[in-house]
Amino acid sequence: MIHLVLALIFQGVVGFTTGLWWQGAAIASTFYIAREHAQAEYRWIERYGLGRRANMPWWGPFDLRVWHDIHSWADWILPIVGTITLAVLMK
């Protein structure tokens, strides 16, 4: 939930200062997508890669076995939905 709030705050700063609500949404959402992707990489390396990044295949972060927790999904989906909603409302 905190990711949603922080994404909306960042989007608000961009939107109110520049009027570019969609760009603010894109930047804030991309940040949380990338963050959760990196977290999935770390989970894959820890569980299946013997602790070594070199053992991870390119598809490791997309392996659904490391996306078992609803919080992992919500941490990137909620900022996307929230910032898109705000961008639509502000247009």
C-alpha atoms as a PDB file:
ATOM      1  CA  MET A   1       0.000   0.000   0.000  1.00  0.00           C
ATOM      2  CA  ILE A   2       2.887   2.362   0.729  1.00  0.00           C
ATOM      3  CA  HIS A   3       4.088   1.923  -2.848  1.00  0.00           C
ATOM      4  CA  LEU A   4       0.742   3.196  -4.118  1.00  0.00           C
ATOM      5  CA  VAL A   5       0.903   6.258  -1.869  1.00  0.00           C
ATOM      6  CA  LEU A   6       4.490   7.076  -2.833  1.00  0.00           C
ATOM      7  CA  ALA A   7       3.729   6.617  -6.542  1.00  0.00           C
ATOM      8  CA  LEU A   8       0.757   8.981  -6.287  1.00  0.00           C
ATOM      9  CA  ILE A   9       2.840  11.553  -4.414  1.00  0.00           C
ATOM     10  CA  PHE A  10       5.544  11.421  -7.080  1.00  0.00           C
ATOM     11  CA  GLN A  11       2.959  11.642  -9.846  1.00  0.00           C
ATOM     12  CA  GLY A  12       1.343  14.582  -8.061  1.00  0.00           C
ATOM     13  CA  VAL A  13       4.635  16.443  -7.877  1.00  0.00           C
ATOM     14  CA  VAL A  14       5.249  15.892 -11.604  1.00  0.00           C
ATOM     15  CA  GLY A  15       1.640  16.591 -12.529  1.00  0.00           C
ATOM     16  CA  PHE A  16       1.207  19.788 -10.534  1.00  0.00           C
ATOM     17  CA  THR A  17       4.580  21.237 -11.530  1.00  0.00           C
ATOM     18  CA  THR A  18       4.545  20.341 -15.230  1.00  0.00           C
ATOM     19  CA  GLY A  19       0.994  19.313 -16.064  1.00  0.00           C
ATOM     20  CA  LEU A  20       2.331  16.004 -17.416  1.00  0.00           C
ATOM     21  CA  TRP A  21       0.164  13.575 -15.447  1.00  0.00           C
ATOM     22  CA  TRP A  22       0.688  10.637 -17.816  1.00  0.00           C
ATOM     23  CA  GLN A  23       4.461  11.027 -17.728  1.00  0.00           C
ATOM     24  CA  GLY A  24       4.343  11.131 -13.934  1.00  0.00           C
ATOM     25  CA  ALA A  25       2.289   7.945 -13.986  1.00  0.00           C
ATOM     26  CA  ALA A  26       4.746   6.261 -16.329  1.00  0.00           C
ATOM     27  CA  ILE A  27       7.794   7.210 -14.258  1.00  0.00           C
ATOM     28  CA  ALA A  28       6.258   6.217 -10.922  1.00  0.00           C
ATOM     29  CA  SER A  29       4.865   2.936 -12.266  1.00  0.00           C
ATOM     30  CA  THR A  30       8.081   2.024 -14.046  1.00  0.00           C
ATOM     31  CA  PHE A  31      10.030   2.538 -10.843  1.00  0.00           C
ATOM     32  CA  TYR A  32       7.893   0.024  -8.948  1.00  0.00           C
ATOM     33  CA  ILE A  33       7.794  -2.465 -11.820  1.00  0.00           C
ATOM     34  CA  ALA A  34      11.602  -2.385 -11.960  1.00  0.00           C
ATOM     35  CA  ARG A  35      11.902  -2.653  -8.191  1.00  0.00           C
ATOM     36  CA  GLU A  36       9.699  -5.738  -8.009  1.00  0.00           C
ATOM     37  CA  HIS A  37      11.487  -7.268 -10.990  1.00  0.00           C
ATOM     38  CA  ALA A  38      14.782  -6.881  -9.130  1.00  0.00           C
ATOM     39  CA  GLN A  39      13.253  -8.389  -5.995  1.00  0.00           C
ATOM     40  CA  ALA A  40      12.096 -11.381  -8.055  1.00  0.00           C
ATOM     41  CA  GLU A  41      15.638 -11.777  -9.364  1.00  0.00           C
ATOM     42  CA  TYR A  42      16.976 -11.913  -5.799  1.00  0.00           C
ATOM     43  CA  ARG A  43      14.318 -14.440  -4.764  1.00  0.00           C
ATOM     44  CA  TRP A  44      15.142 -16.661  -7.760  1.00  0.00           C
ATOM     45  CA  ILE A  45      18.884 -16.492  -7.101  1.00  0.00           C
ATOM     46  CA  GLU A  46      18.373 -17.339  -3.443  1.00  0.00           C
ATOM     47  CA  ARG A  47      15.997 -20.256  -4.056  1.00  0.00           C
ATOM     48  CA  TYR A  48      17.168 -21.802  -7.314  1.00  0.00           C
ATOM     49  CA  GLY A  49      20.496 -20.228  -8.270  1.00  0.00           C
ATOM     50  CA  LEU A  50      22.599 -21.408  -5.339  1.00  0.00           C
ATOM     51  CA  GLY A  51      23.133 -17.783  -4.351  1.00  0.00           C
ATOM     52  CA  ARG A  52      24.922 -16.886  -7.586  1.00  0.00           C
ATOM     53  CA  ARG A  53      23.572 -14.448 -10.150  1.00  0.00           C
ATOM     54  CA  ALA A  54      25.476 -16.278 -12.887  1.00  0.00           C
ATOM     55  CA  ASN A  55      23.200 -19.291 -12.354  1.00  0.00           C
ATOM     56  CA  MET A  56      20.045 -17.320 -13.138  1.00  0.00           C
ATOM     57  CA  PRO A  57      18.574 -17.706 -16.632  1.00  0.00           C
ATOM     58  CA  TRP A  58      17.127 -14.667 -18.380  1.00  0.00           C
ATOM     59  CA  TRP A  59      13.610 -15.801 -17.480  1.00  0.00           C
ATOM     60  CA  GLY A  60      14.369 -16.194 -13.760  1.00  0.00           C
ATOM     61  CA  PRO A  61      12.500 -13.073 -12.599  1.00  0.00           C
ATOM     62  CA  PHE A  62       9.464 -14.134 -14.650  1.00  0.00           C
ATOM     63  CA  ASP A  63       9.311 -17.577 -13.019  1.00  0.00           C
ATOM     64  CA  LEU A  64       5.943 -17.714 -11.258  1.00  0.00           C
ATOM     65  CA  ARG A  65       7.462 -19.791  -8.462  1.00  0.00           C
ATOM     66  CA  VAL A  66       9.111 -16.619  -7.106  1.00  0.00           C
ATOM     67  CA  TRP A  67       5.848 -14.654  -7.339  1.00  0.00           C
ATOM     68  CA  HIS A  68       4.039 -16.662  -4.666  1.00  0.00           C
ATOM     69  CA  ASP A  69       3.207 -13.746  -2.388  1.00  0.00           C
ATOM     70  CA  ILE A  70       0.218 -11.445  -3.032  1.00  0.00           C
ATOM     71  CA  HIS A  71       2.298  -8.523  -1.758  1.00  0.00           C
ATOM     72  CA  SER A  72       4.810  -9.014  -4.571  1.00  0.00           C
ATOM     73  CA  TRP A  73       1.998  -8.641  -7.079  1.00  0.00           C
ATOM     74  CA  ALA A  74       0.301  -5.745  -5.294  1.00  0.00           C
ATOM     75  CA  ASP A  75       3.556  -3.791  -4.966  1.00  0.00           C
ATOM     76  CA  TRP A  76       3.635  -3.176  -8.736  1.00  0.00           C
ATOM     77  CA  ILE A  77      -0.023  -3.535  -9.757  1.00  0.00           C
ATOM     78  CA  LEU A  78      -1.432  -0.998  -7.284  1.00  0.00           C
ATOM     79  CA  PRO A  79       0.897   1.847  -8.366  1.00  0.00           C
ATOM     80  CA  ILE A  80      -0.015   1.197 -12.018  1.00  0.00           C
ATOM     81  CA  VAL A  81      -3.756   1.196 -11.365  1.00  0.00           C
ATOM     82  CA  GLY A  82      -3.564   4.171  -9.010  1.00  0.00           C
ATOM     83  CA  THR A  83      -1.442   6.402 -11.226  1.00  0.00           C
ATOM     84  CA  ILE A  84      -3.468   5.598 -14.340  1.00  0.00           C
ATOM     85  CA  THR A  85      -6.658   6.404 -12.444  1.00  0.00           C
ATOM     86  CA  LEU A  86      -5.249   9.722 -11.250  1.00  0.00           C
ATOM     87  CA  ALA A  87      -3.997  10.609 -14.730  1.00  0.00           C
ATOM     88  CA  VAL A  88      -7.452   9.931 -16.195  1.00  0.00           C
ATOM     89  CA  LEU A  89      -9.143  12.003 -13.484  1.00  0.00           C
ATOM     90  CA  MET A  90      -6.762  14.949 -13.957  1.00  0.00           C
ATOM     91  CA  LYS A  91      -7.283  15.192 -17.725  1.00  0.00           C
END
